[in-house]
PDB file of N, CA and C in Angstrom:
ATOM      1  N   UNK A   1      16.639  51.760  51.133  1.00  0.00           N
ATOM      2  CA  UNK A   1      16.194  52.381  49.884  1.00  0.00           C
ATOM      3  C   UNK A   1      14.752  52.750  49.995  1.00  0.00           C
ATOM      4  N   UNK A   2      14.438  53.919  49.505  1.00  0.00           N
ATOM      5  CA  UNK A   2      13.059  54.421  49.455  1.00  0.00           C
ATOM      6  C   UNK A   2      12.276  53.793  48.321  1.00  0.00           C
ATOM      7  N   UNK A   3      11.474  52.819  48.586  1.00  0.00           N
ATOM      8  CA  UNK A   3      10.735  52.091  47.503  1.00  0.00           C
ATOM      9  C   UNK A   3       9.647  52.901  46.887  1.00  0.00           C
ATOM     10  N   UNK A   4       9.287  53.976  47.445  1.00  0.00           N
ATOM     11  CA  UNK A   4       8.207  54.870  46.849  1.00  0.00           C
ATOM     12  C   UNK A   4       8.696  55.654  45.643  1.00  0.00           C
ATOM     13  N   UNK A   5      10.036  55.750  45.465  1.00  0.00           N
ATOM     14  CA  UNK A   5      10.542  56.444  44.321  1.00  0.00           C
ATOM     15  C   UNK A   5      10.659  55.447  43.176  1.00  0.00           C
ATOM     16  N   UNK A   6      10.070  55.741  42.023  1.00  0.00           N
ATOM     17  CA  UNK A   6      10.174  54.869  40.911  1.00  0.00           C
ATOM     18  C   UNK A   6      11.637  54.718  40.443  1.00  0.00           C
ATOM     19  N   UNK A   7      12.035  53.504  40.040  1.00  0.00           N
ATOM     20  CA  UNK A   7      13.294  53.260  39.484  1.00  0.00           C
ATOM     21  C   UNK A   7      13.215  53.278  37.972  1.00  0.00           C
ATOM     22  N   UNK A   8      14.256  53.804  37.284  1.00  0.00           N
ATOM     23  CA  UNK A   8      14.156  53.744  35.829  1.00  0.00           C
ATOM     24  C   UNK A   8      14.233  52.282  35.372  1.00  0.00           C
ATOM     25  N   UNK A   9      13.455  52.030  34.316  1.00  0.00           N
ATOM     26  CA  UNK A   9      13.504  50.681  33.721  1.00  0.00           C
ATOM     27  C   UNK A   9      14.720  50.545  32.798  1.00  0.00           C
ATOM     28  N   UNK A  10      15.215  51.660  32.321  1.00  0.00           N
ATOM     29  CA  UNK A  10      16.406  51.615  31.458  1.00  0.00           C
ATOM     30  C   UNK A  10      17.192  52.921  31.611  1.00  0.00           C
ATOM     31  N   UNK A  11      18.517  52.797  31.392  1.00  0.00           N
ATOM     32  CA  UNK A  11      19.405  53.910  31.494  1.00  0.00           C
ATOM     33  C   UNK A  11      20.393  53.815  30.302  1.00  0.00           C
ATOM     34  N   UNK A  12      20.472  54.920  29.605  1.00  0.00           N
ATOM     35  CA  UNK A  12      21.344  54.963  28.392  1.00  0.00           C
ATOM     36  C   UNK A  12      22.224  56.168  28.482  1.00  0.00           C
ATOM     37  N   UNK A  13      23.538  56.000  28.334  1.00  0.00           N
ATOM     38  CA  UNK A  13      24.534  57.038  28.280  1.00  0.00           C
ATOM     39  C   UNK A  13      24.835  57.343  26.854  1.00  0.00           C
ATOM     40  N   UNK A  14      24.586  58.565  26.408  1.00  0.00           N
ATOM     41  CA  UNK A  14      24.830  58.960  25.036  1.00  0.00           C
ATOM     42  C   UNK A  14      26.036  59.912  25.022  1.00  0.00           C
ATOM     43  N   UNK A  15      27.229  59.362  24.734  1.00  0.00           N
ATOM     44  CA  UNK A  15      28.414  60.178  24.806  1.00  0.00           C
ATOM     45  C   UNK A  15      28.475  61.281  23.732  1.00  0.00           C
ATOM     46  N   UNK A  16      27.977  60.946  22.564  1.00  0.00           N
ATOM     47  CA  UNK A  16      28.046  61.957  21.437  1.00  0.00           C
ATOM     48  C   UNK A  16      27.164  63.195  21.756  1.00  0.00           C
ATOM     49  N   UNK A  17      25.917  62.906  22.173  1.00  0.00           N
ATOM     50  CA  UNK A  17      25.019  64.085  22.482  1.00  0.00           C
ATOM     51  C   UNK A  17      25.159  64.531  23.887  1.00  0.00           C
ATOM     52  N   UNK A  18      26.021  63.884  24.710  1.00  0.00           N
ATOM     53  CA  UNK A  18      26.322  64.285  26.094  1.00  0.00           C
ATOM     54  C   UNK A  18      24.997  64.298  26.933  1.00  0.00           C
ATOM     55  N   UNK A  19      24.262  63.221  26.799  1.00  0.00           N
ATOM     56  CA  UNK A  19      23.001  63.082  27.544  1.00  0.00           C
ATOM     57  C   UNK A  19      22.970  61.778  28.262  1.00  0.00           C
ATOM     58  N   UNK A  20      22.259  61.766  29.369  1.00  0.00           N
ATOM     59  CA  UNK A  20      21.938  60.537  30.115  1.00  0.00           C
ATOM     60  C   UNK A  20      20.410  60.410  29.988  1.00  0.00           C
ATOM     61  N   UNK A  21      19.991  59.238  29.438  1.00  0.00           N
ATOM     62  CA  UNK A  21      18.571  58.987  29.240  1.00  0.00           C
ATOM     63  C   UNK A  21      18.083  58.025  30.302  1.00  0.00           C
ATOM     64  N   UNK A  22      17.040  58.406  30.956  1.00  0.00           N
ATOM     65  CA  UNK A  22      16.407  57.618  31.992  1.00  0.00           C
ATOM     66  C   UNK A  22      14.956  57.301  31.564  1.00  0.00           C
ATOM     67  N   UNK A  23      14.602  56.020  31.527  1.00  0.00           N
ATOM     68  CA  UNK A  23      13.261  55.650  31.120  1.00  0.00           C
ATOM     69  C   UNK A  23      12.504  55.243  32.344  1.00  0.00           C
ATOM     70  N   UNK A  24      11.360  55.914  32.568  1.00  0.00           N
ATOM     71  CA  UNK A  24      10.466  55.583  33.669  1.00  0.00           C
ATOM     72  C   UNK A  24       9.152  55.134  33.136  1.00  0.00           C
ATOM     73  N   UNK A  25       8.255  54.674  33.968  1.00  0.00           N
ATOM     74  CA  UNK A  25       6.948  54.234  33.527  1.00  0.00           C
ATOM     75  C   UNK A  25       6.134  55.398  32.889  1.00  0.00           C
ATOM     76  N   UNK A  26       6.470  56.640  33.346  1.00  0.00           N
ATOM     77  CA  UNK A  26       5.725  57.762  32.808  1.00  0.00           C
ATOM     78  C   UNK A  26       6.448  58.423  31.606  1.00  0.00           C
ATOM     79  N   UNK A  27       7.521  57.818  31.117  1.00  0.00           N
ATOM     80  CA  UNK A  27       8.158  58.346  29.908  1.00  0.00           C
ATOM     81  C   UNK A  27       9.705  58.410  30.070  1.00  0.00           C
ATOM     82  N   UNK A  28      10.331  58.832  28.989  1.00  0.00           N
ATOM     83  CA  UNK A  28      11.762  58.997  28.933  1.00  0.00           C
ATOM     84  C   UNK A  28      12.204  60.407  29.193  1.00  0.00           C
ATOM     85  N   UNK A  29      13.324  60.563  29.831  1.00  0.00           N
ATOM     86  CA  UNK A  29      13.858  61.881  30.214  1.00  0.00           C
ATOM     87  C   UNK A  29      15.346  61.897  29.834  1.00  0.00           C
ATOM     88  N   UNK A  30      15.789  63.004  29.328  1.00  0.00           N
ATOM     89  CA  UNK A  30      17.206  63.135  28.971  1.00  0.00           C
ATOM     90  C   UNK A  30      17.776  64.324  29.835  1.00  0.00           C
ATOM     91  N   UNK A  31      18.848  64.074  30.468  1.00  0.00           N
ATOM     92  CA  UNK A  31      19.553  65.040  31.235  1.00  0.00           C
ATOM     93  C   UNK A  31      20.913  65.254  30.627  1.00  0.00           C
ATOM     94  N   UNK A  32      21.262  66.517  30.322  1.00  0.00           N
ATOM     95  CA  UNK A  32      22.542  66.814  29.757  1.00  0.00           C
ATOM     96  C   UNK A  32      23.673  66.669  30.767  1.00  0.00           C
ATOM     97  N   UNK A  33      24.877  66.448  30.242  1.00  0.00           N
ATOM     98  CA  UNK A  33      26.031  66.300  31.182  1.00  0.00           C
ATOM     99  C   UNK A  33      26.182  67.646  31.914  1.00  0.00           C
ATOM    100  N   UNK A  34      25.996  68.771  31.231  1.00  0.00           N
ATOM    101  CA  UNK A  34      26.140  70.089  31.885  1.00  0.00           C
ATOM    102  C   UNK A  34      25.154  70.193  33.076  1.00  0.00           C
ATOM    103  N   UNK A  35      23.867  69.851  32.822  1.00  0.00           N
ATOM    104  CA  UNK A  35      22.845  69.895  33.854  1.00  0.00           C
ATOM    105  C   UNK A  35      23.204  68.997  35.039  1.00  0.00           C
ATOM    106  N   UNK A  36      23.636  67.788  34.794  1.00  0.00           N
ATOM    107  CA  UNK A  36      23.985  66.924  35.870  1.00  0.00           C
ATOM    108  C   UNK A  36      25.299  67.379  36.626  1.00  0.00           C
ATOM    109  N   UNK A  37      26.143  67.975  35.888  1.00  0.00           N
ATOM    110  CA  UNK A  37      27.401  68.453  36.470  1.00  0.00           C
ATOM    111  C   UNK A  37      27.178  69.604  37.434  1.00  0.00           C
ATOM    112  N   UNK A  38      26.388  70.570  36.962  1.00  0.00           N
ATOM    113  CA  UNK A  38      26.114  71.726  37.847  1.00  0.00           C
ATOM    114  C   UNK A  38      25.155  71.463  38.946  1.00  0.00           C
ATOM    115  N   UNK A  39      24.461  70.332  38.842  1.00  0.00           N
ATOM    116  CA  UNK A  39      23.565  69.893  39.952  1.00  0.00           C
ATOM    117  C   UNK A  39      24.163  68.665  40.706  1.00  0.00           C
ATOM    118  N   UNK A  40      25.489  68.524  40.670  1.00  0.00           N
ATOM    119  CA  UNK A  40      26.114  67.339  41.320  1.00  0.00           C
ATOM    120  C   UNK A  40      25.802  67.401  42.824  1.00  0.00           C
ATOM    121  N   UNK A  41      25.452  66.212  43.346  1.00  0.00           N
ATOM    122  CA  UNK A  41      25.237  66.128  44.810  1.00  0.00           C
ATOM    123  C   UNK A  41      26.487  66.152  45.688  1.00  0.00           C
ATOM    124  N   UNK A  42      27.617  66.340  45.089  1.00  0.00           N
ATOM    125  CA  UNK A  42      28.887  66.271  45.833  1.00  0.00           C
ATOM    126  C   UNK A  42      29.047  67.436  46.779  1.00  0.00           C
ATOM    127  N   UNK A  43      29.825  67.272  47.764  1.00  0.00           N
ATOM    128  CA  UNK A  43      30.103  68.332  48.721  1.00  0.00           C
ATOM    129  C   UNK A  43      30.821  69.497  47.969  1.00  0.00           C
ATOM    130  N   UNK A  44      31.631  69.160  46.982  1.00  0.00           N
ATOM    131  CA  UNK A  44      32.377  70.218  46.184  1.00  0.00           C
ATOM    132  C   UNK A  44      31.368  71.238  45.575  1.00  0.00           C
ATOM    133  N   UNK A  45      30.248  70.730  45.168  1.00  0.00           N
ATOM    134  CA  UNK A  45      29.202  71.605  44.509  1.00  0.00           C
ATOM    135  C   UNK A  45      28.221  72.128  45.588  1.00  0.00           C
ATOM    136  N   UNK A  46      27.690  71.261  46.371  1.00  0.00           N
ATOM    137  CA  UNK A  46      26.671  71.598  47.289  1.00  0.00           C
ATOM    138  C   UNK A  46      27.165  72.270  48.533  1.00  0.00           C
ATOM    139  N   UNK A  47      28.451  72.114  48.854  1.00  0.00           N
ATOM    140  CA  UNK A  47      29.025  72.677  50.035  1.00  0.00           C
ATOM    141  C   UNK A  47      28.802  71.756  51.177  1.00  0.00           C
ATOM    142  N   UNK A  48      29.297  72.115  52.346  1.00  0.00           N
ATOM    143  CA  UNK A  48      29.228  71.281  53.535  1.00  0.00           C
ATOM    144  C   UNK A  48      28.164  71.734  54.529  1.00  0.00           C
ATOM    145  N   UNK A  49      27.265  72.508  53.998  1.00  0.00           N
ATOM    146  CA  UNK A  49      26.156  72.970  54.919  1.00  0.00           C
ATOM    147  C   UNK A  49      25.184  73.785  54.064  1.00  0.00           C
ATOM    148  N   UNK A  50      24.041  74.055  54.643  1.00  0.00           N
ATOM    149  CA  UNK A  50      23.026  74.811  53.899  1.00  0.00           C
ATOM    150  C   UNK A  50      23.584  76.229  53.537  1.00  0.00           C
ATOM    151  N   UNK A  51      23.411  76.559  52.276  1.00  0.00           N
ATOM    152  CA  UNK A  51      23.828  77.869  51.845  1.00  0.00           C
ATOM    153  C   UNK A  51      25.291  77.942  51.464  1.00  0.00           C
ATOM    154  N   UNK A  52      26.023  76.821  51.525  1.00  0.00           N
ATOM    155  CA  UNK A  52      27.485  76.841  51.282  1.00  0.00           C
ATOM    156  C   UNK A  52      27.756  76.289  49.860  1.00  0.00           C
ATOM    157  N   UNK A  53      26.821  76.157  49.032  1.00  0.00           N
ATOM    158  CA  UNK A  53      27.025  75.609  47.680  1.00  0.00           C
ATOM    159  C   UNK A  53      27.932  76.515  46.848  1.00  0.00           C
ATOM    160  N   UNK A  54      28.587  75.968  45.847  1.00  0.00           N
ATOM    161  CA  UNK A  54      29.463  76.647  44.983  1.00  0.00           C
ATOM    162  C   UNK A  54      28.876  76.701  43.603  1.00  0.00           C
ATOM    163  N   UNK A  55      28.533  77.829  43.123  1.00  0.00           N
ATOM    164  CA  UNK A  55      27.932  77.978  41.772  1.00  0.00           C
ATOM    165  C   UNK A  55      28.949  77.544  40.688  1.00  0.00           C
ATOM    166  N   UNK A  56      28.530  76.532  39.892  1.00  0.00           N
ATOM    167  CA  UNK A  56      29.410  75.991  38.894  1.00  0.00           C
ATOM    168  C   UNK A  56      29.281  76.796  37.608  1.00  0.00           C
ATOM    169  N   UNK A  57      30.428  77.247  37.117  1.00  0.00           N
ATOM    170  CA  UNK A  57      30.488  78.014  35.938  1.00  0.00           C
ATOM    171  C   UNK A  57      31.360  77.391  34.857  1.00  0.00           C
ATOM    172  N   UNK A  58      31.223  77.766  33.583  1.00  0.00           N
ATOM    173  CA  UNK A  58      32.050  77.232  32.552  1.00  0.00           C
ATOM    174  C   UNK A  58      31.875  75.774  32.238  1.00  0.00           C
ATOM    175  N   UNK A  59      30.671  75.271  32.463  1.00  0.00           N
ATOM    176  CA  UNK A  59      30.458  73.801  32.252  1.00  0.00           C
ATOM    177  C   UNK A  59      29.611  73.456  31.066  1.00  0.00           C
ATOM    178  N   UNK A  60      29.489  74.421  30.138  1.00  0.00           N
ATOM    179  CA  UNK A  60      28.627  74.239  28.910  1.00  0.00           C
ATOM    180  C   UNK A  60      29.092  73.078  28.071  1.00  0.00           C
ATOM    181  N   UNK A  61      30.383  72.850  27.971  1.00  0.00           N
ATOM    182  CA  UNK A  61      30.906  71.845  27.078  1.00  0.00           C
ATOM    183  C   UNK A  61      31.352  70.564  27.775  1.00  0.00           C
ATOM    184  N   UNK A  62      31.009  70.477  29.071  1.00  0.00           N
ATOM    185  CA  UNK A  62      31.445  69.256  29.812  1.00  0.00           C
ATOM    186  C   UNK A  62      30.745  68.044  29.229  1.00  0.00           C
ATOM    187  N   UNK A  63      31.454  66.870  29.217  1.00  0.00           N
ATOM    188  CA  UNK A  63      30.870  65.641  28.797  1.00  0.00           C
ATOM    189  C   UNK A  63      31.070  64.521  29.825  1.00  0.00           C
ATOM    190  N   UNK A  64      30.583  63.358  29.428  1.00  0.00           N
ATOM    191  CA  UNK A  64      30.731  62.248  30.350  1.00  0.00           C
ATOM    192  C   UNK A  64      31.978  61.401  30.072  1.00  0.00           C
ATOM    193  N   UNK A  65      32.509  60.838  31.105  1.00  0.00           N
ATOM    194  CA  UNK A  65      33.532  59.804  30.950  1.00  0.00           C
ATOM    195  C   UNK A  65      32.867  58.424  31.155  1.00  0.00           C
ATOM    196  N   UNK A  66      31.898  58.344  32.046  1.00  0.00           N
ATOM    197  CA  UNK A  66      31.245  57.084  32.282  1.00  0.00           C
ATOM    198  C   UNK A  66      30.204  57.187  33.404  1.00  0.00           C
ATOM    199  N   UNK A  67      29.486  56.103  33.587  1.00  0.00           N
ATOM    200  CA  UNK A  67      28.483  56.004  34.592  1.00  0.00           C
ATOM    201  C   UNK A  67      28.474  54.557  35.067  1.00  0.00           C
ATOM    202  N   UNK A  68      28.378  54.408  36.380  1.00  0.00           N
ATOM    203  CA  UNK A  68      28.389  53.014  36.937  1.00  0.00           C
ATOM    204  C   UNK A  68      27.478  52.977  38.196  1.00  0.00           C
ATOM    205  N   UNK A  69      26.930  51.849  38.491  1.00  0.00           N
ATOM    206  CA  UNK A  69      26.101  51.788  39.663  1.00  0.00           C
ATOM    207  C   UNK A  69      26.865  51.918  40.953  1.00  0.00           C
ATOM    208  N   UNK A  70      26.286  52.475  41.955  1.00  0.00           N
ATOM    209  CA  UNK A  70      26.834  52.628  43.298  1.00  0.00           C
ATOM    210  C   UNK A  70      25.894  51.811  44.219  1.00  0.00           C
ATOM    211  N   UNK A  71      26.163  50.579  44.403  1.00  0.00           N
ATOM    212  CA  UNK A  71      25.240  49.699  45.159  1.00  0.00           C
ATOM    213  C   UNK A  71      23.956  49.627  44.442  1.00  0.00           C
ATOM    214  N   UNK A  72      22.860  49.535  45.192  1.00  0.00           N
ATOM    215  CA  UNK A  72      21.543  49.449  44.605  1.00  0.00           C
ATOM    216  C   UNK A  72      20.794  50.750  44.747  1.00  0.00           C
ATOM    217  N   UNK A  73      21.498  51.806  45.131  1.00  0.00           N
ATOM    218  CA  UNK A  73      20.772  53.051  45.459  1.00  0.00           C
ATOM    219  C   UNK A  73      21.126  54.248  44.670  1.00  0.00           C
ATOM    220  N   UNK A  74      22.214  54.189  43.779  1.00  0.00           N
ATOM    221  CA  UNK A  74      22.685  55.418  43.153  1.00  0.00           C
ATOM    222  C   UNK A  74      23.488  55.093  41.880  1.00  0.00           C
ATOM    223  N   UNK A  75      23.774  56.149  41.104  1.00  0.00           N
ATOM    224  CA  UNK A  75      24.704  56.077  40.046  1.00  0.00           C
ATOM    225  C   UNK A  75      25.885  57.009  40.373  1.00  0.00           C
ATOM    226  N   UNK A  76      27.072  56.512  39.990  1.00  0.00           N
ATOM    227  CA  UNK A  76      28.250  57.385  40.053  1.00  0.00           C
ATOM    228  C   UNK A  76      28.570  57.833  38.673  1.00  0.00           C
ATOM    229  N   UNK A  77      28.531  59.095  38.430  1.00  0.00           N
ATOM    230  CA  UNK A  77      28.752  59.704  37.123  1.00  0.00           C
ATOM    231  C   UNK A  77      30.103  60.347  37.067  1.00  0.00           C
ATOM    232  N   UNK A  78      30.948  60.030  36.055  1.00  0.00           N
ATOM    233  CA  UNK A  78      32.234  60.661  35.948  1.00  0.00           C
ATOM    234  C   UNK A  78      32.112  61.564  34.702  1.00  0.00           C
ATOM    235  N   UNK A  79      32.657  62.786  34.940  1.00  0.00           N
ATOM    236  CA  UNK A  79      32.634  63.767  33.865  1.00  0.00           C
ATOM    237  C   UNK A  79      34.026  64.031  33.305  1.00  0.00           C
ATOM    238  N   UNK A  80      34.135  64.527  32.104  1.00  0.00           N
ATOM    239  CA  UNK A  80      35.419  64.684  31.425  1.00  0.00           C
ATOM    240  C   UNK A  80      36.194  65.847  31.968  1.00  0.00           C
ATOM    241  N   UNK A  81      35.639  66.585  32.911  1.00  0.00           N
ATOM    242  CA  UNK A  81      36.454  67.683  33.559  1.00  0.00           C
ATOM    243  C   UNK A  81      37.047  67.183  34.836  1.00  0.00           C
ATOM    244  N   UNK A  82      37.002  65.900  35.061  1.00  0.00           N
ATOM    245  CA  UNK A  82      37.636  65.260  36.273  1.00  0.00           C
ATOM    246  C   UNK A  82      36.760  65.100  37.448  1.00  0.00           C
ATOM    247  N   UNK A  83      35.548  65.675  37.407  1.00  0.00           N
ATOM    248  CA  UNK A  83      34.642  65.566  38.526  1.00  0.00           C
ATOM    249  C   UNK A  83      33.996  64.156  38.548  1.00  0.00           C
ATOM    250  N   UNK A  84      34.031  63.509  39.696  1.00  0.00           N
ATOM    251  CA  UNK A  84      33.413  62.178  39.798  1.00  0.00           C
ATOM    252  C   UNK A  84      33.041  61.834  41.266  1.00  0.00           C
ATOM    253  N   UNK A  85      32.815  62.846  42.072  1.00  0.00           N
ATOM    254  CA  UNK A  85      32.645  62.533  43.500  1.00  0.00           C
ATOM    255  C   UNK A  85      31.184  62.525  43.948  1.00  0.00           C
ATOM    256  N   UNK A  86      30.244  62.832  43.086  1.00  0.00           N
ATOM    257  CA  UNK A  86      28.805  62.844  43.548  1.00  0.00           C
ATOM    258  C   UNK A  86      28.147  61.558  43.227  1.00  0.00           C
ATOM    259  N   UNK A  87      27.336  61.052  44.206  1.00  0.00           N
ATOM    260  CA  UNK A  87      26.533  59.903  44.013  1.00  0.00           C
ATOM    261  C   UNK A  87      25.083  60.340  43.791  1.00  0.00           C
ATOM    262  N   UNK A  88      24.570  60.043  42.625  1.00  0.00           N
ATOM    263  CA  UNK A  88      23.195  60.457  42.266  1.00  0.00           C
ATOM    264  C   UNK A  88      22.234  59.313  42.647  1.00  0.00           C
ATOM    265  N   UNK A  89      21.585  59.547  43.726  1.00  0.00           N
ATOM    266  CA  UNK A  89      20.633  58.504  44.235  1.00  0.00           C
ATOM    267  C   UNK A  89      19.446  58.383  43.264  1.00  0.00           C
ATOM    268  N   UNK A  90      18.706  57.283  43.321  1.00  0.00           N
ATOM    269  CA  UNK A  90      17.522  57.149  42.443  1.00  0.00           C
ATOM    270  C   UNK A  90      16.540  58.196  42.709  1.00  0.00           C
ATOM    271  N   UNK A  91      16.376  58.602  44.033  1.00  0.00           N
ATOM    272  CA  UNK A  91      15.455  59.678  44.442  1.00  0.00           C
ATOM    273  C   UNK A  91      15.871  60.971  43.827  1.00  0.00           C
ATOM    274  N   UNK A  92      17.204  61.308  43.892  1.00  0.00           N
ATOM    275  CA  UNK A  92      17.687  62.582  43.320  1.00  0.00           C
ATOM    276  C   UNK A  92      17.550  62.592  41.808  1.00  0.00           C
ATOM    277  N   UNK A  93      17.860  61.527  41.106  1.00  0.00           N
ATOM    278  CA  UNK A  93      17.733  61.456  39.722  1.00  0.00           C
ATOM    279  C   UNK A  93      16.241  61.598  39.274  1.00  0.00           C
ATOM    280  N   UNK A  94      15.351  60.961  39.949  1.00  0.00           N
ATOM    281  CA  UNK A  94      13.918  61.153  39.709  1.00  0.00           C
ATOM    282  C   UNK A  94      13.449  62.580  39.898  1.00  0.00           C
ATOM    283  N   UNK A  95      13.971  63.197  40.912  1.00  0.00           N
ATOM    284  CA  UNK A  95      13.672  64.619  41.159  1.00  0.00           C
ATOM    285  C   UNK A  95      14.228  65.521  40.050  1.00  0.00           C
ATOM    286  N   UNK A  96      15.470  65.238  39.658  1.00  0.00           N
ATOM    287  CA  UNK A  96      16.045  66.021  38.597  1.00  0.00           C
ATOM    288  C   UNK A  96      15.342  65.875  37.263  1.00  0.00           C
ATOM    289  N   UNK A  97      14.908  64.642  36.949  1.00  0.00           N
ATOM    290  CA  UNK A  97      14.186  64.434  35.687  1.00  0.00           C
ATOM    291  C   UNK A  97      12.858  65.131  35.691  1.00  0.00           C
ATOM    292  N   UNK A  98      12.141  65.104  36.816  1.00  0.00           N
ATOM    293  CA  UNK A  98      10.820  65.645  36.861  1.00  0.00           C
ATOM    294  C   UNK A  98      10.736  67.151  37.193  1.00  0.00           C
ATOM    295  N   UNK A  99      11.836  67.720  37.552  1.00  0.00           N
ATOM    296  CA  UNK A  99      11.881  69.150  37.844  1.00  0.00           C
ATOM    297  C   UNK A  99      12.937  69.872  37.058  1.00  0.00           C
ATOM    298  N   UNK A 100      13.362  69.278  35.979  1.00  0.00           N
ATOM    299  CA  UNK A 100      14.545  69.817  35.161  1.00  0.00           C
ATOM    300  C   UNK A 100      14.366  71.260  34.798  1.00  0.00           C
ATOM    301  N   UNK A 101      13.197  71.566  34.231  1.00  0.00           N
ATOM    302  CA  UNK A 101      13.001  72.984  33.716  1.00  0.00           C
ATOM    303  C   UNK A 101      13.128  73.975  34.840  1.00  0.00           C
ATOM    304  N   UNK A 102      12.531  73.732  35.975  1.00  0.00           N
ATOM    305  CA  UNK A 102      12.588  74.652  37.088  1.00  0.00           C
ATOM    306  C   UNK A 102      14.005  74.804  37.547  1.00  0.00           C
ATOM    307  N   UNK A 103      14.693  73.656  37.751  1.00  0.00           N
ATOM    308  CA  UNK A 103      16.088  73.735  38.243  1.00  0.00           C
ATOM    309  C   UNK A 103      16.982  74.433  37.250  1.00  0.00           C
ATOM    310  N   UNK A 104      16.775  74.255  35.980  1.00  0.00           N
ATOM    311  CA  UNK A 104      17.639  74.837  34.972  1.00  0.00           C
ATOM    312  C   UNK A 104      17.465  76.365  34.979  1.00  0.00           C
ATOM    313  N   UNK A 105      16.218  76.781  35.018  1.00  0.00           N
ATOM    314  CA  UNK A 105      15.916  78.240  35.030  1.00  0.00           C
ATOM    315  C   UNK A 105      16.534  78.879  36.284  1.00  0.00           C
ATOM    316  N   UNK A 106      16.395  78.279  37.410  1.00  0.00           N
ATOM    317  CA  UNK A 106      17.023  78.763  38.634  1.00  0.00           C
ATOM    318  C   UNK A 106      18.544  78.855  38.509  1.00  0.00           C
ATOM    319  N   UNK A 107      19.199  77.897  37.905  1.00  0.00           N
ATOM    320  CA  UNK A 107      20.602  77.902  37.650  1.00  0.00           C
ATOM    321  C   UNK A 107      21.013  79.096  36.724  1.00  0.00           C
ATOM    322  N   UNK A 108      20.254  79.274  35.684  1.00  0.00           N
ATOM    323  CA  UNK A 108      20.546  80.391  34.771  1.00  0.00           C
ATOM    324  C   UNK A 108      20.419  81.684  35.480  1.00  0.00           C
ATOM    325  N   UNK A 109      19.434  81.831  36.354  1.00  0.00           N
ATOM    326  CA  UNK A 109      19.232  83.080  37.095  1.00  0.00           C
ATOM    327  C   UNK A 109      20.360  83.296  38.066  1.00  0.00           C
ATOM    328  N   UNK A 110      20.883  82.255  38.685  1.00  0.00           N
ATOM    329  CA  UNK A 110      21.956  82.367  39.582  1.00  0.00           C
ATOM    330  C   UNK A 110      23.272  82.789  38.792  1.00  0.00           C
ATOM    331  N   UNK A 111      23.441  82.229  37.667  1.00  0.00           N
ATOM    332  CA  UNK A 111      24.607  82.638  36.803  1.00  0.00           C
ATOM    333  C   UNK A 111      24.500  84.135  36.505  1.00  0.00           C
ATOM    334  N   UNK A 112      23.340  84.543  36.065  1.00  0.00           N
ATOM    335  CA  UNK A 112      23.209  85.904  35.674  1.00  0.00           C
ATOM    336  C   UNK A 112      23.392  86.889  36.884  1.00  0.00           C
ATOM    337  N   UNK A 113      22.861  86.520  38.011  1.00  0.00           N
ATOM    338  CA  UNK A 113      23.014  87.334  39.244  1.00  0.00           C
ATOM    339  C   UNK A 113      24.475  87.432  39.599  1.00  0.00           C
ATOM    340  N   UNK A 114      25.243  86.359  39.364  1.00  0.00           N
ATOM    341  CA  UNK A 114      26.670  86.369  39.740  1.00  0.00           C
ATOM    342  C   UNK A 114      27.555  87.003  38.670  1.00  0.00           C
ATOM    343  N   UNK A 115      26.917  87.335  37.515  1.00  0.00           N
ATOM    344  CA  UNK A 115      27.755  87.835  36.402  1.00  0.00           C
ATOM    345  C   UNK A 115      28.647  86.726  35.866  1.00  0.00           C
ATOM    346  N   UNK A 116      28.158  85.501  35.900  1.00  0.00           N
ATOM    347  CA  UNK A 116      28.935  84.362  35.495  1.00  0.00           C
ATOM    348  C   UNK A 116      28.429  83.808  34.197  1.00  0.00           C
ATOM    349  N   UNK A 117      29.071  82.879  33.623  1.00  0.00           N
ATOM    350  CA  UNK A 117      28.817  82.317  32.279  1.00  0.00           C
ATOM    351  C   UNK A 117      28.879  80.758  32.254  1.00  0.00           C
ATOM    352  N   UNK A 118      27.993  80.175  31.376  1.00  0.00           N
ATOM    353  CA  UNK A 118      28.073  78.783  31.189  1.00  0.00           C
ATOM    354  C   UNK A 118      29.324  78.421  30.389  1.00  0.00           C
ATOM    355  N   UNK A 119      29.903  79.363  29.625  1.00  0.00           N
ATOM    356  CA  UNK A 119      31.024  79.078  28.728  1.00  0.00           C
ATOM    357  C   UNK A 119      32.307  79.020  29.485  1.00  0.00           C
ATOM    358  N   UNK A 120      32.723  80.031  30.178  1.00  0.00           N
ATOM    359  CA  UNK A 120      34.059  79.994  30.789  1.00  0.00           C
ATOM    360  C   UNK A 120      34.249  80.835  32.066  1.00  0.00           C
ATOM    361  N   UNK A 121      33.216  80.866  32.834  1.00  0.00           N
ATOM    362  CA  UNK A 121      33.333  81.557  34.101  1.00  0.00           C
ATOM    363  C   UNK A 121      32.659  82.883  34.139  1.00  0.00           C
ATOM    364  N   UNK A 122      33.406  83.953  34.304  1.00  0.00           N
ATOM    365  CA  UNK A 122      32.798  85.315  34.484  1.00  0.00           C
ATOM    366  C   UNK A 122      32.583  86.000  33.146  1.00  0.00           C
ATOM    367  N   UNK A 123      31.560  86.842  33.160  1.00  0.00           N
ATOM    368  CA  UNK A 123      31.254  87.657  31.957  1.00  0.00           C
ATOM    369  C   UNK A 123      31.923  89.022  32.185  1.00  0.00           C
ATOM    370  N   UNK A 124      32.673  89.413  31.180  1.00  0.00           N
ATOM    371  CA  UNK A 124      33.306  90.747  31.304  1.00  0.00           C
ATOM    372  C   UNK A 124      32.229  91.837  31.184  1.00  0.00           C
ATOM    373  N   UNK A 125      32.204  92.665  32.109  1.00  0.00           N
ATOM    374  CA  UNK A 125      31.242  93.770  32.103  1.00  0.00           C
ATOM    375  C   UNK A 125      32.023  95.051  31.871  1.00  0.00           C
ATOM    376  N   UNK A 126      31.566  95.768  30.752  1.00  0.00           N
ATOM    377  CA  UNK A 126      32.346  96.946  30.489  1.00  0.00           C
ATOM    378  C   UNK A 126      31.579  98.008  30.233  1.00  0.00           C
TER     379      UNK A 126
END
């Protein structure tokens, strides 16, 4: 385990608001289920090599089923769309919390470039 990455002092799963709250020494951060789902570290999302990632669409309304520790190094997050194969390491979660705005804007730009939607996949262009 990389001890240079701060660990959260508290983790709270908010099912109603669909957010995961992580408390660090420098403050609290909330990550939405949609954000975590589209940035899943699973091979299904990231692909099996550089540049092989699969753009996730239609995840605007996804929620959580649960979260559980995976050893001492990660969280396993289960989503209500059936996805549960990504392990979110402490390092990855810290990165997501501290770079959330940048990653979210990049995701929205990728959706727009692909003509895709957060709601249900592709946008009809007419």
